[in-house]
Amino acid sequence: MNNLKTKVSDSPIGFDVLESKIVSLLNKLKDNHLLINQLKTQNISLKDKVGQFEKSFSKIKVENESLKMTNSLLGGKEDKSLSKRKINNLIKEVDFCINQLSDFENQNE
């Protein structure tokens, strides 16, 4: 051990090289810490975006299901005139039911 101390103390150039390597390592360490902090911030931001996309996806999924149901009620891919006729027929049936209820109420009065 004493032999090592003697060699290091006899070589001031060795200390300079060692000191510059230590400084270089410390600078790299500082840069790594800055990079880690940037990546953490970016990670948080990306997690927020993922949450927003998940909410948006859920909303669009519900809307899609609603549109599928509406589409199935209107007859799928049939043309618009047929869909209009179906809606008109449903309205006529509802009107007929309302008239029957009105007639029933008038008879009971």
PDB file of N, CA and C in Angstrom:
ATOM      1  N   MET A   1       0.817  -1.177   0.000  1.00  0.00           N
ATOM      2  CA  MET A   1       0.000   0.000   0.000  1.00  0.00           C
ATOM      3  C   MET A   1       0.867   1.249   0.000  1.00  0.00           C
ATOM      4  N   ASN A   2       1.909   1.239   0.797  1.00  0.00           N
ATOM      5  CA  ASN A   2       2.825   2.377   0.823  1.00  0.00           C
ATOM      6  C   ASN A   2       3.486   2.571  -0.533  1.00  0.00           C
ATOM      7  N   ASN A   3       3.726   1.459  -1.188  1.00  0.00           N
ATOM      8  CA  ASN A   3       4.350   1.513  -2.502  1.00  0.00           C
ATOM      9  C   ASN A   3       3.445   2.247  -3.488  1.00  0.00           C
ATOM     10  N   LEU A   4       2.125   2.023  -3.385  1.00  0.00           N
ATOM     11  CA  LEU A   4       1.147   2.680  -4.258  1.00  0.00           C
ATOM     12  C   LEU A   4       1.114   4.179  -3.979  1.00  0.00           C
ATOM     13  N   LYS A   5       1.117   4.558  -2.705  1.00  0.00           N
ATOM     14  CA  LYS A   5       1.108   5.974  -2.349  1.00  0.00           C
ATOM     15  C   LYS A   5       2.341   6.683  -2.903  1.00  0.00           C
ATOM     16  N   THR A   6       3.437   6.022  -2.832  1.00  0.00           N
ATOM     17  CA  THR A   6       4.663   6.615  -3.317  1.00  0.00           C
ATOM     18  C   THR A   6       4.598   6.824  -4.821  1.00  0.00           C
ATOM     19  N   LYS A   7       4.069   5.843  -5.553  1.00  0.00           N
ATOM     20  CA  LYS A   7       3.982   5.959  -7.004  1.00  0.00           C
ATOM     21  C   LYS A   7       3.006   7.061  -7.406  1.00  0.00           C
ATOM     22  N   VAL A   8       1.856   7.167  -6.703  1.00  0.00           N
ATOM     23  CA  VAL A   8       0.867   8.173  -7.034  1.00  0.00           C
ATOM     24  C   VAL A   8       1.396   9.554  -6.694  1.00  0.00           C
ATOM     25  N   SER A   9       2.064   9.682  -5.550  1.00  0.00           N
ATOM     26  CA  SER A   9       2.570  10.996  -5.160  1.00  0.00           C
ATOM     27  C   SER A   9       3.720  11.435  -6.042  1.00  0.00           C
ATOM     28  N   ASP A  10       4.437  10.484  -6.600  1.00  0.00           N
ATOM     29  CA  ASP A  10       5.534  10.824  -7.498  1.00  0.00           C
ATOM     30  C   ASP A  10       5.028  11.218  -8.871  1.00  0.00           C
ATOM     31  N   SER A  11       3.772  10.946  -9.157  1.00  0.00           N
ATOM     32  CA  SER A  11       3.240  11.190 -10.485  1.00  0.00           C
ATOM     33  C   SER A  11       2.097  12.190 -10.432  1.00  0.00           C
ATOM     34  N   PRO A  12       2.383  13.488 -10.486  1.00  0.00           N
ATOM     35  CA  PRO A  12       1.313  14.487 -10.462  1.00  0.00           C
ATOM     36  C   PRO A  12       0.464  14.425 -11.730  1.00  0.00           C
ATOM     37  N   ILE A  13       1.011  13.933 -12.804  1.00  0.00           N
ATOM     38  CA  ILE A  13       0.241  13.797 -14.040  1.00  0.00           C
ATOM     39  C   ILE A  13      -0.881  12.784 -13.836  1.00  0.00           C
ATOM     40  N   GLY A  14      -0.652  11.754 -13.073  1.00  0.00           N
ATOM     41  CA  GLY A  14      -1.663  10.738 -12.777  1.00  0.00           C
ATOM     42  C   GLY A  14      -2.853  11.347 -12.047  1.00  0.00           C
ATOM     43  N   PHE A  15      -2.589  12.275 -11.122  1.00  0.00           N
ATOM     44  CA  PHE A  15      -3.664  12.958 -10.406  1.00  0.00           C
ATOM     45  C   PHE A  15      -4.493  13.825 -11.353  1.00  0.00           C
ATOM     46  N   ASP A  16      -3.833  14.494 -12.245  1.00  0.00           N
ATOM     47  CA  ASP A  16      -4.542  15.345 -13.208  1.00  0.00           C
ATOM     48  C   ASP A  16      -5.468  14.510 -14.096  1.00  0.00           C
ATOM     49  N   VAL A  17      -4.954  13.378 -14.546  1.00  0.00           N
ATOM     50  CA  VAL A  17      -5.766  12.495 -15.391  1.00  0.00           C
ATOM     51  C   VAL A  17      -6.943  11.965 -14.586  1.00  0.00           C
ATOM     52  N   LEU A  18      -6.675  11.537 -13.370  1.00  0.00           N
ATOM     53  CA  LEU A  18      -7.723  11.017 -12.504  1.00  0.00           C
ATOM     54  C   LEU A  18      -8.767  12.085 -12.203  1.00  0.00           C
ATOM     55  N   GLU A  19      -8.294  13.301 -11.914  1.00  0.00           N
ATOM     56  CA  GLU A  19      -9.214  14.397 -11.623  1.00  0.00           C
ATOM     57  C   GLU A  19     -10.086  14.717 -12.843  1.00  0.00           C
ATOM     58  N   SER A  20      -9.507  14.740 -14.027  1.00  0.00           N
ATOM     59  CA  SER A  20     -10.300  15.046 -15.220  1.00  0.00           C
ATOM     60  C   SER A  20     -11.317  13.944 -15.496  1.00  0.00           C
ATOM     61  N   LYS A  21     -10.936  12.699 -15.223  1.00  0.00           N
ATOM     62  CA  LYS A  21     -11.889  11.594 -15.412  1.00  0.00           C
ATOM     63  C   LYS A  21     -13.045  11.695 -14.409  1.00  0.00           C
ATOM     64  N   ILE A  22     -12.731  12.070 -13.187  1.00  0.00           N
ATOM     65  CA  ILE A  22     -13.762  12.237 -12.156  1.00  0.00           C
ATOM     66  C   ILE A  22     -14.702  13.377 -12.551  1.00  0.00           C
ATOM     67  N   VAL A  23     -14.152  14.480 -13.005  1.00  0.00           N
ATOM     68  CA  VAL A  23     -14.965  15.618 -13.443  1.00  0.00           C
ATOM     69  C   VAL A  23     -15.852  15.202 -14.608  1.00  0.00           C
ATOM     70  N   SER A  24     -15.279  14.454 -15.540  1.00  0.00           N
ATOM     71  CA  SER A  24     -16.049  13.978 -16.692  1.00  0.00           C
ATOM     72  C   SER A  24     -17.192  13.068 -16.236  1.00  0.00           C
ATOM     73  N   LEU A  25     -16.908  12.171 -15.311  1.00  0.00           N
ATOM     74  CA  LEU A  25     -17.946  11.271 -14.793  1.00  0.00           C
ATOM     75  C   LEU A  25     -19.036  12.043 -14.055  1.00  0.00           C
ATOM     76  N   LEU A  26     -18.642  13.056 -13.284  1.00  0.00           N
ATOM     77  CA  LEU A  26     -19.620  13.873 -12.565  1.00  0.00           C
ATOM     78  C   LEU A  26     -20.519  14.634 -13.548  1.00  0.00           C
ATOM     79  N   ASN A  27     -19.926  15.137 -14.617  1.00  0.00           N
ATOM     80  CA  ASN A  27     -20.723  15.823 -15.641  1.00  0.00           C
ATOM     81  C   ASN A  27     -21.708  14.872 -16.314  1.00  0.00           C
ATOM     82  N   LYS A  28     -21.227  13.666 -16.599  1.00  0.00           N
ATOM     83  CA  LYS A  28     -22.126  12.662 -17.197  1.00  0.00           C
ATOM     84  C   LYS A  28     -23.247  12.292 -16.230  1.00  0.00           C
ATOM     85  N   LEU A  29     -22.909  12.198 -14.950  1.00  0.00           N
ATOM     86  CA  LEU A  29     -23.914  11.893 -13.936  1.00  0.00           C
ATOM     87  C   LEU A  29     -24.970  12.989 -13.876  1.00  0.00           C
ATOM     88  N   LYS A  30     -24.508  14.252 -13.908  1.00  0.00           N
ATOM     89  CA  LYS A  30     -25.442  15.387 -13.903  1.00  0.00           C
ATOM     90  C   LYS A  30     -26.331  15.346 -15.138  1.00  0.00           C
ATOM     91  N   ASP A  31     -25.736  15.083 -16.298  1.00  0.00           N
ATOM     92  CA  ASP A  31     -26.513  14.989 -17.538  1.00  0.00           C
ATOM     93  C   ASP A  31     -27.537  13.861 -17.458  1.00  0.00           C
ATOM     94  N   ASN A  32     -27.133  12.751 -16.879  1.00  0.00           N
ATOM     95  CA  ASN A  32     -28.058  11.620 -16.734  1.00  0.00           C
ATOM     96  C   ASN A  32     -29.228  11.971 -15.817  1.00  0.00           C
ATOM     97  N   HIS A  33     -28.947  12.696 -14.742  1.00  0.00           N
ATOM     98  CA  HIS A  33     -30.024  13.115 -13.838  1.00  0.00           C
ATOM     99  C   HIS A  33     -30.993  14.055 -14.547  1.00  0.00           C
ATOM    100  N   LEU A  34     -30.449  14.980 -15.340  1.00  0.00           N
ATOM    101  CA  LEU A  34     -31.322  15.883 -16.104  1.00  0.00           C
ATOM    102  C   LEU A  34     -32.173  15.103 -17.100  1.00  0.00           C
ATOM    103  N   LEU A  35     -31.557  14.139 -17.768  1.00  0.00           N
ATOM    104  CA  LEU A  35     -32.285  13.321 -18.736  1.00  0.00           C
ATOM    105  C   LEU A  35     -33.380  12.501 -18.039  1.00  0.00           C
ATOM    106  N   ILE A  36     -33.056  11.952 -16.888  1.00  0.00           N
ATOM    107  CA  ILE A  36     -34.048  11.181 -16.130  1.00  0.00           C
ATOM    108  C   ILE A  36     -35.234  12.060 -15.754  1.00  0.00           C
ATOM    109  N   ASN A  37     -34.964  13.279 -15.293  1.00  0.00           N
ATOM    110  CA  ASN A  37     -36.056  14.199 -14.934  1.00  0.00           C
ATOM    111  C   ASN A  37     -36.904  14.556 -16.144  1.00  0.00           C
ATOM    112  N   GLN A  38     -36.257  14.784 -17.284  1.00  0.00           N
ATOM    113  CA  GLN A  38     -37.003  15.081 -18.510  1.00  0.00           C
ATOM    114  C   GLN A  38     -37.880  13.891 -18.907  1.00  0.00           C
ATOM    115  N   LEU A  39     -37.320  12.693 -18.811  1.00  0.00           N
ATOM    116  CA  LEU A  39     -38.075  11.494 -19.177  1.00  0.00           C
ATOM    117  C   LEU A  39     -39.245  11.251 -18.217  1.00  0.00           C
ATOM    118  N   LYS A  40     -39.044  11.559 -16.945  1.00  0.00           N
ATOM    119  CA  LYS A  40     -40.133  11.425 -15.986  1.00  0.00           C
ATOM    120  C   LYS A  40     -41.269  12.384 -16.332  1.00  0.00           C
ATOM    121  N   THR A  41     -40.908  13.617 -16.666  1.00  0.00           N
ATOM    122  CA  THR A  41     -41.917  14.611 -17.045  1.00  0.00           C
ATOM    123  C   THR A  41     -42.644  14.169 -18.314  1.00  0.00           C
ATOM    124  N   GLN A  42     -41.887  13.694 -19.269  1.00  0.00           N
ATOM    125  CA  GLN A  42     -42.482  13.220 -20.520  1.00  0.00           C
ATOM    126  C   GLN A  42     -43.387  12.018 -20.258  1.00  0.00           C
ATOM    127  N   ASN A  43     -42.972  11.134 -19.369  1.00  0.00           N
ATOM    128  CA  ASN A  43     -43.770   9.956 -19.029  1.00  0.00           C
ATOM    129  C   ASN A  43     -45.105  10.360 -18.417  1.00  0.00           C
ATOM    130  N   ILE A  44     -45.071  11.340 -17.518  1.00  0.00           N
ATOM    131  CA  ILE A  44     -46.308  11.830 -16.891  1.00  0.00           C
ATOM    132  C   ILE A  44     -47.230  12.422 -17.950  1.00  0.00           C
ATOM    133  N   SER A  45     -46.655  13.208 -18.843  1.00  0.00           N
ATOM    134  CA  SER A  45     -47.438  13.819 -19.912  1.00  0.00           C
ATOM    135  C   SER A  45     -48.073  12.752 -20.803  1.00  0.00           C
ATOM    136  N   LEU A  46     -47.304  11.733 -21.141  1.00  0.00           N
ATOM    137  CA  LEU A  46     -47.832  10.662 -21.992  1.00  0.00           C
ATOM    138  C   LEU A  46     -48.918   9.855 -21.279  1.00  0.00           C
ATOM    139  N   LYS A  47     -48.768   9.667 -19.981  1.00  0.00           N
ATOM    140  CA  LYS A  47     -49.810   8.966 -19.220  1.00  0.00           C
ATOM    141  C   LYS A  47     -51.104   9.766 -19.231  1.00  0.00           C
ATOM    142  N   ASP A  48     -50.988  11.090 -19.120  1.00  0.00           N
ATOM    143  CA  ASP A  48     -52.174  11.945 -19.188  1.00  0.00           C
ATOM    144  C   ASP A  48     -52.851  11.811 -20.550  1.00  0.00           C
ATOM    145  N   LYS A  49     -52.044  11.814 -21.614  1.00  0.00           N
ATOM    146  CA  LYS A  49     -52.596  11.675 -22.958  1.00  0.00           C
ATOM    147  C   LYS A  49     -53.279  10.326 -23.146  1.00  0.00           C
ATOM    148  N   VAL A  50     -52.680   9.281 -22.598  1.00  0.00           N
ATOM    149  CA  VAL A  50     -53.285   7.947 -22.688  1.00  0.00           C
ATOM    150  C   VAL A  50     -54.636   7.953 -21.991  1.00  0.00           C
ATOM    151  N   GLY A  51     -54.706   8.587 -20.825  1.00  0.00           N
ATOM    152  CA  GLY A  51     -55.980   8.690 -20.104  1.00  0.00           C
ATOM    153  C   GLY A  51     -57.028   9.424 -20.919  1.00  0.00           C
ATOM    154  N   GLN A  52     -56.616  10.514 -21.568  1.00  0.00           N
ATOM    155  CA  GLN A  52     -57.548  11.269 -22.408  1.00  0.00           C
ATOM    156  C   GLN A  52     -58.013  10.434 -23.589  1.00  0.00           C
ATOM    157  N   PHE A  53     -57.078   9.700 -24.214  1.00  0.00           N
ATOM    158  CA  PHE A  53     -57.443   8.857 -25.343  1.00  0.00           C
ATOM    159  C   PHE A  53     -58.380   7.735 -24.914  1.00  0.00           C
ATOM    160  N   GLU A  54     -58.157   7.174 -23.728  1.00  0.00           N
ATOM    161  CA  GLU A  54     -59.036   6.115 -23.235  1.00  0.00           C
ATOM    162  C   GLU A  54     -60.450   6.646 -23.011  1.00  0.00           C
ATOM    163  N   LYS A  55     -60.560   7.860 -22.441  1.00  0.00           N
ATOM    164  CA  LYS A  55     -61.883   8.457 -22.240  1.00  0.00           C
ATOM    165  C   LYS A  55     -62.549   8.720 -23.583  1.00  0.00           C
ATOM    166  N   SER A  56     -61.788   9.260 -24.513  1.00  0.00           N
ATOM    167  CA  SER A  56     -62.317   9.551 -25.844  1.00  0.00           C
ATOM    168  C   SER A  56     -62.745   8.261 -26.536  1.00  0.00           C
ATOM    169  N   PHE A  57     -61.940   7.230 -26.397  1.00  0.00           N
ATOM    170  CA  PHE A  57     -62.255   5.938 -27.004  1.00  0.00           C
ATOM    171  C   PHE A  57     -63.541   5.368 -26.422  1.00  0.00           C
ATOM    172  N   SER A  58     -63.695   5.456 -25.110  1.00  0.00           N
ATOM    173  CA  SER A  58     -64.910   4.957 -24.462  1.00  0.00           C
ATOM    174  C   SER A  58     -66.135   5.713 -24.959  1.00  0.00           C
ATOM    175  N   LYS A  59     -66.016   7.017 -25.068  1.00  0.00           N
ATOM    176  CA  LYS A  59     -67.127   7.841 -25.543  1.00  0.00           C
ATOM    177  C   LYS A  59     -67.487   7.476 -26.979  1.00  0.00           C
ATOM    178  N   ILE A  60     -66.481   7.336 -27.821  1.00  0.00           N
ATOM    179  CA  ILE A  60     -66.724   6.978 -29.218  1.00  0.00           C
ATOM    180  C   ILE A  60     -67.314   5.574 -29.312  1.00  0.00           C
ATOM    181  N   LYS A  61     -66.891   4.688 -28.450  1.00  0.00           N
ATOM    182  CA  LYS A  61     -67.408   3.321 -28.453  1.00  0.00           C
ATOM    183  C   LYS A  61     -68.904   3.319 -28.118  1.00  0.00           C
ATOM    184  N   VAL A  62     -69.294   4.124 -27.126  1.00  0.00           N
ATOM    185  CA  VAL A  62     -70.710   4.227 -26.759  1.00  0.00           C
ATOM    186  C   VAL A  62     -71.507   4.825 -27.916  1.00  0.00           C
ATOM    187  N   GLU A  63     -70.971   5.866 -28.536  1.00  0.00           N
ATOM    188  CA  GLU A  63     -71.648   6.478 -29.675  1.00  0.00           C
ATOM    189  C   GLU A  63     -71.786   5.485 -30.826  1.00  0.00           C
ATOM    190  N   ASN A  64     -70.751   4.686 -31.039  1.00  0.00           N
ATOM    191  CA  ASN A  64     -70.783   3.681 -32.102  1.00  0.00           C
ATOM    192  C   ASN A  64     -71.879   2.644 -31.839  1.00  0.00           C
ATOM    193  N   GLU A  65     -71.990   2.207 -30.593  1.00  0.00           N
ATOM    194  CA  GLU A  65     -73.045   1.246 -30.250  1.00  0.00           C
ATOM    195  C   GLU A  65     -74.424   1.861 -30.485  1.00  0.00           C
ATOM    196  N   SER A  66     -74.565   3.116 -30.119  1.00  0.00           N
ATOM    197  CA  SER A  66     -75.831   3.808 -30.333  1.00  0.00           C
ATOM    198  C   SER A  66     -76.152   3.896 -31.820  1.00  0.00           C
ATOM    199  N   LEU A  67     -75.156   4.219 -32.621  1.00  0.00           N
ATOM    200  CA  LEU A  67     -75.363   4.299 -34.067  1.00  0.00           C
ATOM    201  C   LEU A  67     -75.681   2.929 -34.661  1.00  0.00           C
ATOM    202  N   LYS A  68     -75.048   1.891 -34.142  1.00  0.00           N
ATOM    203  CA  LYS A  68     -75.353   0.540 -34.625  1.00  0.00           C
ATOM    204  C   LYS A  68     -76.807   0.190 -34.349  1.00  0.00           C
ATOM    205  N   MET A  69     -77.254   0.534 -33.134  1.00  0.00           N
ATOM    206  CA  MET A  69     -78.633   0.235 -32.775  1.00  0.00           C
ATOM    207  C   MET A  69     -79.595   1.030 -33.653  1.00  0.00           C
ATOM    208  N   THR A  70     -79.308   2.310 -33.839  1.00  0.00           N
ATOM    209  CA  THR A  70     -80.142   3.153 -34.689  1.00  0.00           C
ATOM    210  C   THR A  70     -80.168   2.614 -36.105  1.00  0.00           C
ATOM    211  N   ASN A  71     -79.030   2.202 -36.585  1.00  0.00           N
ATOM    212  CA  ASN A  71     -78.924   1.663 -37.931  1.00  0.00           C
ATOM    213  C   ASN A  71     -79.735   0.379 -38.063  1.00  0.00           C
ATOM    214  N   SER A  72     -79.688  -0.456 -37.039  1.00  0.00           N
ATOM    215  CA  SER A  72     -80.459  -1.700 -37.110  1.00  0.00           C
ATOM    216  C   SER A  72     -81.959  -1.416 -37.060  1.00  0.00           C
ATOM    217  N   LEU A  73     -82.365  -0.387 -36.308  1.00  0.00           N
ATOM    218  CA  LEU A  73     -83.781  -0.017 -36.262  1.00  0.00           C
ATOM    219  C   LEU A  73     -84.264   0.542 -37.599  1.00  0.00           C
ATOM    220  N   LEU A  74     -83.373   1.205 -38.307  1.00  0.00           N
ATOM    221  CA  LEU A  74     -83.745   1.817 -39.573  1.00  0.00           C
ATOM    222  C   LEU A  74     -83.598   0.850 -40.743  1.00  0.00           C
ATOM    223  N   GLY A  75     -83.172  -0.355 -40.482  1.00  0.00           N
ATOM    224  CA  GLY A  75     -83.106  -1.343 -41.546  1.00  0.00           C
ATOM    225  C   GLY A  75     -81.725  -1.532 -42.126  1.00  0.00           C
ATOM    226  N   GLY A  76     -80.729  -1.120 -41.450  1.00  0.00           N
ATOM    227  CA  GLY A  76     -79.369  -1.376 -41.905  1.00  0.00           C
ATOM    228  C   GLY A  76     -78.992  -0.560 -43.120  1.00  0.00           C
ATOM    229  N   LYS A  77     -78.609  -1.247 -44.182  1.00  0.00           N
ATOM    230  CA  LYS A  77     -78.058  -0.571 -45.346  1.00  0.00           C
ATOM    231  C   LYS A  77     -79.111  -0.271 -46.407  1.00  0.00           C
ATOM    232  N   GLU A  78     -80.356  -0.441 -46.037  1.00  0.00           N
ATOM    233  CA  GLU A  78     -81.405  -0.163 -47.013  1.00  0.00           C
ATOM    234  C   GLU A  78     -81.427   1.313 -47.347  1.00  0.00           C
ATOM    235  N   ASP A  79     -82.070   1.632 -48.462  1.00  0.00           N
ATOM    236  CA  ASP A  79     -82.082   3.029 -48.890  1.00  0.00           C
ATOM    237  C   ASP A  79     -82.933   3.889 -47.954  1.00  0.00           C
ATOM    238  N   LYS A  80     -82.771   5.190 -48.076  1.00  0.00           N
ATOM    239  CA  LYS A  80     -83.405   6.145 -47.170  1.00  0.00           C
ATOM    240  C   LYS A  80     -84.922   6.143 -47.291  1.00  0.00           C
ATOM    241  N   SER A  81     -85.437   5.944 -48.482  1.00  0.00           N
ATOM    242  CA  SER A  81     -86.900   5.983 -48.639  1.00  0.00           C
ATOM    243  C   SER A  81     -87.563   4.837 -47.880  1.00  0.00           C
ATOM    244  N   LEU A  82     -86.952   3.675 -47.887  1.00  0.00           N
ATOM    245  CA  LEU A  82     -87.505   2.546 -47.141  1.00  0.00           C
ATOM    246  C   LEU A  82     -87.457   2.832 -45.637  1.00  0.00           C
ATOM    247  N   SER A  83     -86.369   3.436 -45.190  1.00  0.00           N
ATOM    248  CA  SER A  83     -86.255   3.799 -43.777  1.00  0.00           C
ATOM    249  C   SER A  83     -87.321   4.816 -43.392  1.00  0.00           C
ATOM    250  N   LYS A  84     -87.561   5.788 -44.267  1.00  0.00           N
ATOM    251  CA  LYS A  84     -88.596   6.785 -44.001  1.00  0.00           C
ATOM    252  C   LYS A  84     -89.959   6.124 -43.921  1.00  0.00           C
ATOM    253  N   ARG A  85     -90.219   5.174 -44.808  1.00  0.00           N
ATOM    254  CA  ARG A  85     -91.511   4.461 -44.771  1.00  0.00           C
ATOM    255  C   ARG A  85     -91.677   3.698 -43.458  1.00  0.00           C
ATOM    256  N   LYS A  86     -90.602   3.073 -43.003  1.00  0.00           N
ATOM    257  CA  LYS A  86     -90.670   2.339 -41.735  1.00  0.00           C
ATOM    258  C   LYS A  86     -90.991   3.294 -40.581  1.00  0.00           C
ATOM    259  N   ILE A  87     -90.329   4.438 -40.570  1.00  0.00           N
ATOM    260  CA  ILE A  87     -90.583   5.429 -39.514  1.00  0.00           C
ATOM    261  C   ILE A  87     -92.024   5.916 -39.594  1.00  0.00           C
ATOM    262  N   ASN A  88     -92.504   6.206 -40.798  1.00  0.00           N
ATOM    263  CA  ASN A  88     -93.892   6.654 -40.971  1.00  0.00           C
ATOM    264  C   ASN A  88     -94.880   5.597 -40.505  1.00  0.00           C
ATOM    265  N   ASN A  89     -94.598   4.341 -40.791  1.00  0.00           N
ATOM    266  CA  ASN A  89     -95.474   3.260 -40.320  1.00  0.00           C
ATOM    267  C   ASN A  89     -95.491   3.187 -38.796  1.00  0.00           C
ATOM    268  N   LEU A  90     -94.320   3.372 -38.184  1.00  0.00           N
ATOM    269  CA  LEU A  90     -94.268   3.367 -36.715  1.00  0.00           C
ATOM    270  C   LEU A  90     -95.080   4.526 -36.146  1.00  0.00           C
ATOM    271  N   ILE A  91     -94.983   5.679 -36.789  1.00  0.00           N
ATOM    272  CA  ILE A  91     -95.756   6.849 -36.335  1.00  0.00           C
ATOM    273  C   ILE A  91     -97.256   6.577 -36.471  1.00  0.00           C
ATOM    274  N   LYS A  92     -97.663   5.960 -37.576  1.00  0.00           N
ATOM    275  CA  LYS A  92     -99.081   5.634 -37.778  1.00  0.00           C
ATOM    276  C   LYS A  92     -99.572   4.671 -36.708  1.00  0.00           C
ATOM    277  N   GLU A  93     -98.743   3.688 -36.353  1.00  0.00           N
ATOM    278  CA  GLU A  93     -99.125   2.740 -35.306  1.00  0.00           C
ATOM    279  C   GLU A  93     -99.288   3.453 -33.958  1.00  0.00           C
ATOM    280  N   VAL A  94     -98.390   4.362 -33.659  1.00  0.00           N
ATOM    281  CA  VAL A  94     -98.483   5.116 -32.402  1.00  0.00           C
ATOM    282  C   VAL A  94     -99.738   5.979 -32.419  1.00  0.00           C
ATOM    283  N   ASP A  95    -100.017   6.635 -33.542  1.00  0.00           N
ATOM    284  CA  ASP A  95    -101.234   7.454 -33.662  1.00  0.00           C
ATOM    285  C   ASP A  95    -102.482   6.594 -33.475  1.00  0.00           C
ATOM    286  N   PHE A  96    -102.482   5.420 -34.053  1.00  0.00           N
ATOM    287  CA  PHE A  96    -103.622   4.510 -33.921  1.00  0.00           C
ATOM    288  C   PHE A  96    -103.843   4.140 -32.452  1.00  0.00           C
ATOM    289  N   CYS A  97    -102.744   3.847 -31.745  1.00  0.00           N
ATOM    290  CA  CYS A  97    -102.847   3.498 -30.324  1.00  0.00           C
ATOM    291  C   CYS A  97    -103.384   4.688 -29.514  1.00  0.00           C
ATOM    292  N   ILE A  98    -102.922   5.883 -29.835  1.00  0.00           N
ATOM    293  CA  ILE A  98    -103.397   7.084 -29.130  1.00  0.00           C
ATOM    294  C   ILE A  98    -104.888   7.281 -29.388  1.00  0.00           C
ATOM    295  N   ASN A  99    -105.322   7.084 -30.618  1.00  0.00           N
ATOM    296  CA  ASN A  99    -106.749   7.223 -30.950  1.00  0.00           C
ATOM    297  C   ASN A  99    -107.589   6.196 -30.213  1.00  0.00           C
ATOM    298  N   GLN A 100    -107.099   4.984 -30.131  1.00  0.00           N
ATOM    299  CA  GLN A 100    -107.840   3.948 -29.397  1.00  0.00           C
ATOM    300  C   GLN A 100    -107.956   4.315 -27.916  1.00  0.00           C
ATOM    301  N   LEU A 101    -106.869   4.838 -27.345  1.00  0.00           N
ATOM    302  CA  LEU A 101    -106.924   5.250 -25.941  1.00  0.00           C
ATOM    303  C   LEU A 101    -107.899   6.412 -25.754  1.00  0.00           C
ATOM    304  N   SER A 102    -107.908   7.324 -26.677  1.00  0.00           N
ATOM    305  CA  SER A 102    -108.836   8.465 -26.620  1.00  0.00           C
ATOM    306  C   SER A 102    -110.274   7.971 -26.704  1.00  0.00           C
ATOM    307  N   ASP A 103    -110.522   7.051 -27.629  1.00  0.00           N
ATOM    308  CA  ASP A 103    -111.878   6.488 -27.772  1.00  0.00           C
ATOM    309  C   ASP A 103    -112.300   5.762 -26.499  1.00  0.00           C
ATOM    310  N   PHE A 104    -111.375   5.035 -25.898  1.00  0.00           N
ATOM    311  CA  PHE A 104    -111.672   4.308 -24.676  1.00  0.00           C
ATOM    312  C   PHE A 104    -112.011   5.279 -23.549  1.00  0.00           C
ATOM    313  N   GLU A 105    -111.260   6.372 -23.443  1.00  0.00           N
ATOM    314  CA  GLU A 105    -111.530   7.374 -22.403  1.00  0.00           C
ATOM    315  C   GLU A 105    -112.885   8.059 -22.654  1.00  0.00           C
ATOM    316  N   ASN A 106    -113.219   8.336 -23.902  1.00  0.00           N
ATOM    317  CA  ASN A 106    -114.495   8.965 -24.229  1.00  0.00           C
ATOM    318  C   ASN A 106    -115.663   8.045 -23.914  1.00  0.00           C
ATOM    319  N   GLN A 107    -115.514   6.768 -24.110  1.00  0.00           N
ATOM    320  CA  GLN A 107    -116.564   5.801 -23.809  1.00  0.00           C
ATOM    321  C   GLN A 107    -116.804   5.679 -22.317  1.00  0.00           C
ATOM    322  N   ASN A 108    -115.766   5.842 -21.499  1.00  0.00           N
ATOM    323  CA  ASN A 108    -115.885   5.713 -20.052  1.00  0.00           C
ATOM    324  C   ASN A 108    -116.379   6.980 -19.388  1.00  0.00           C
ATOM    325  N   GLU A 109    -116.491   8.044 -20.103  1.00  0.00           N
ATOM    326  CA  GLU A 109    -116.953   9.300 -19.499  1.00  0.00           C
ATOM    327  C   GLU A 109    -118.387   9.374 -19.371  1.00  0.00           C
TER     328      GLU A 109
END
